Amino acid sequence: MSAADKIKAAAENVAGKAKEAVGNVTDNDKLVAEGKADQAKGQTRDKVEDVKDVFKN
């Protein structure tokens, strides 16, 4: 996994956590859902890159 891909995955995960937290504080269910979706995308990106790394070696 390249460093850029790791950073993108981590940033997406952090942004998702922030959205979810703001959504919880403001009682905004839509924002909470978007935050969870962003976290899932970040985690998926991370897993896909891990699989790519396995097949590179």
Protein backbone atom coordinates (compact mmCIF):
# COMPACT_ATOMS: atom_id res chain seq x y z
CA MET A 1 0.00 0.00 0.00
CA SER A 2 1.45 3.31 -0.97
CA ALA A 3 1.81 6.04 1.60
CA ALA A 4 -0.67 8.21 -0.31
CA ASP A 5 -3.30 5.47 -0.19
CA LYS A 6 -2.74 4.96 3.52
CA ILE A 7 -3.16 8.68 4.11
CA LYS A 8 -6.36 8.79 2.02
CA ALA A 9 -7.84 5.86 3.93
CA ALA A 10 -6.90 7.35 7.31
CA ALA A 11 -8.21 10.79 6.35
CA GLU A 12 -11.52 9.35 5.21
CA ASN A 13 -11.82 7.43 8.47
CA VAL A 14 -10.99 10.48 10.61
CA ALA A 15 -13.36 12.71 8.63
CA GLY A 16 -16.09 10.12 9.08
CA LYS A 17 -15.54 9.99 12.82
CA ALA A 18 -15.69 13.78 13.00
CA LYS A 19 -18.94 13.88 10.99
CA GLU A 20 -20.44 11.20 13.19
CA ALA A 21 -19.45 13.07 16.36
CA VAL A 22 -20.88 16.36 15.10
CA GLY A 23 -24.04 14.55 14.06
CA ASN A 24 -24.39 13.04 17.52
CA VAL A 25 -23.88 16.39 19.24
CA THR A 26 -26.33 18.20 16.97
CA ASP A 27 -28.79 15.28 16.91
CA ASN A 28 -28.48 15.11 13.11
CA ASP A 29 -29.11 11.51 12.05
CA LYS A 30 -28.18 12.23 8.42
CA LEU A 31 -24.74 13.48 9.43
CA VAL A 32 -24.22 10.47 11.70
CA ALA A 33 -25.05 8.16 8.80
CA GLU A 34 -22.72 10.03 6.43
CA GLY A 35 -19.94 9.78 9.00
CA LYS A 36 -20.41 6.05 9.38
CA ALA A 37 -20.44 5.66 5.59
CA ASP A 38 -17.21 7.64 5.27
CA GLN A 39 -15.59 5.45 7.91
CA ALA A 40 -16.70 2.33 6.08
CA LYS A 41 -15.24 3.66 2.82
CA GLY A 42 -11.95 4.40 4.53
CA GLN A 43 -11.79 0.96 6.10
CA THR A 44 -12.70 -0.69 2.80
CA ARG A 45 -10.01 1.28 0.97
CA ASP A 46 -7.51 0.15 3.60
CA LYS A 47 -8.50 -3.53 3.24
CA VAL A 48 -8.39 -3.40 -0.58
CA GLU A 49 -4.89 -1.99 -0.48
CA ASP A 50 -3.84 -4.72 1.98
CA VAL A 51 -5.09 -7.35 -0.46
CA LYS A 52 -3.18 -5.69 -3.29
CA ASP A 53 -0.04 -5.80 -1.15
CA VAL A 54 -0.47 -9.52 -0.57
CA PHE A 55 -0.61 -10.22 -4.29
CA LYS A 56 2.36 -7.97 -5.05
CA ASN A 57 4.64 -10.10 -2.92
